[in-house]
Amino acid sequence: MIYNYSREKLSVTDLTGISVFYKAANSDLFHTYSCFARGVDMMNAGYHYLDLVPKGRDEKDLQRPQAWVRHRHNYGET
């Protein structure tokens, strides 16, 4: 899979990313901004609060960053 402009071997299909485009009056399309992974934190204020608590996001022993995030219907599964 291609993520953040590089080929990655990933076990998930949904990953965080934000892209911004601008369409000029003559219909030219410009890619003006992208951010991925931890770069999108500024768009989710909840992460800022997690970073303030003593254990932070508590990701040190996880297999990947944000492994604790799941689709809302999967939180009961282990």
Protein backbone atom coordinates (compact mmCIF):
# COMPACT_ATOMS: atom_id res chain seq x y z
CA MET A 1 0.00 0.00 0.00
CA ILE A 2 1.17 3.55 -0.60
CA TYR A 3 0.95 5.78 2.47
CA ASN A 4 2.59 9.14 2.98
CA TYR A 5 4.15 8.94 -0.49
CA SER A 6 6.00 5.69 0.13
CA ARG A 7 5.24 2.00 -0.29
CA GLU A 8 4.51 0.42 3.10
CA LYS A 9 3.66 -3.09 4.23
CA LEU A 10 0.66 -2.43 6.45
CA SER A 11 -1.90 -4.68 8.10
CA VAL A 12 -4.67 -2.07 8.13
CA THR A 13 -6.58 -0.50 5.26
CA ASP A 14 -7.75 2.74 6.91
CA LEU A 15 -5.07 5.22 7.92
CA THR A 16 -5.17 8.87 8.81
CA GLY A 17 -4.29 11.51 6.27
CA ILE A 18 -5.37 14.98 5.22
CA SER A 19 -4.87 16.51 1.78
CA VAL A 20 -5.86 19.95 0.52
CA PHE A 21 -6.33 20.87 -3.13
CA TYR A 22 -6.97 24.15 -4.94
CA LYS A 23 -8.78 24.44 -8.24
CA ALA A 24 -7.82 27.57 -10.17
CA ALA A 25 -10.23 29.54 -12.34
CA ASN A 26 -8.73 27.90 -15.45
CA SER A 27 -9.46 24.43 -13.91
CA ASP A 28 -5.83 23.65 -13.07
CA LEU A 29 -5.74 21.56 -9.91
CA PHE A 30 -3.00 22.02 -7.29
CA HIS A 31 -2.15 19.77 -4.36
CA THR A 32 -1.28 22.35 -1.71
CA TYR A 33 -0.95 20.42 1.55
CA SER A 34 -0.80 16.92 3.01
CA CYS A 35 -0.15 15.47 6.43
CA PHE A 36 -0.18 11.92 7.71
CA ALA A 37 0.16 9.90 10.93
CA ARG A 38 1.11 12.20 13.82
CA GLY A 39 0.91 15.21 11.52
CA VAL A 40 -2.89 15.22 11.76
CA ASP A 41 -2.87 15.58 15.55
CA MET A 42 -3.55 19.31 15.31
CA MET A 43 -6.93 18.48 13.76
CA ASN A 44 -8.02 16.30 16.71
CA ALA A 45 -7.97 18.16 20.01
CA GLY A 46 -8.50 14.90 21.92
CA TYR A 47 -4.88 13.92 21.23
CA HIS A 48 -3.66 17.12 22.88
CA TYR A 49 -5.48 16.15 26.08
CA LEU A 50 -4.05 12.63 25.98
CA ASP A 51 -0.56 14.10 25.65
CA LEU A 52 -1.07 16.06 28.89
CA VAL A 53 -1.86 13.08 31.13
CA PRO A 54 0.93 11.16 32.94
CA LYS A 55 0.93 8.12 30.62
CA GLY A 56 0.17 10.13 27.48
CA ARG A 57 -1.17 7.90 24.75
CA ASP A 58 0.49 4.92 26.43
CA GLU A 59 1.79 3.51 23.14
CA LYS A 60 5.26 2.41 24.25
CA ASP A 61 4.45 -1.33 24.26
CA LEU A 62 2.06 -1.37 21.29
CA GLN A 63 2.94 -3.03 17.99
CA ARG A 64 2.37 0.30 16.19
CA PRO A 65 1.40 3.88 17.12
CA GLN A 66 -2.32 4.35 17.69
CA ALA A 67 -2.98 0.59 17.86
CA TRP A 68 -5.50 1.48 20.56
CA VAL A 69 -7.75 3.21 18.00
CA ARG A 70 -10.53 1.01 16.60
CA HIS A 71 -13.75 1.44 14.68
CA ARG A 72 -16.48 2.25 17.20
CA HIS A 73 -18.10 -1.20 16.86
CA ASN A 74 -14.79 -3.04 17.56
CA TYR A 75 -13.91 -1.74 21.04
CA GLY A 76 -15.39 -4.80 22.73
CA GLU A 77 -13.07 -7.15 20.81
CA THR A 78 -9.56 -8.09 21.93
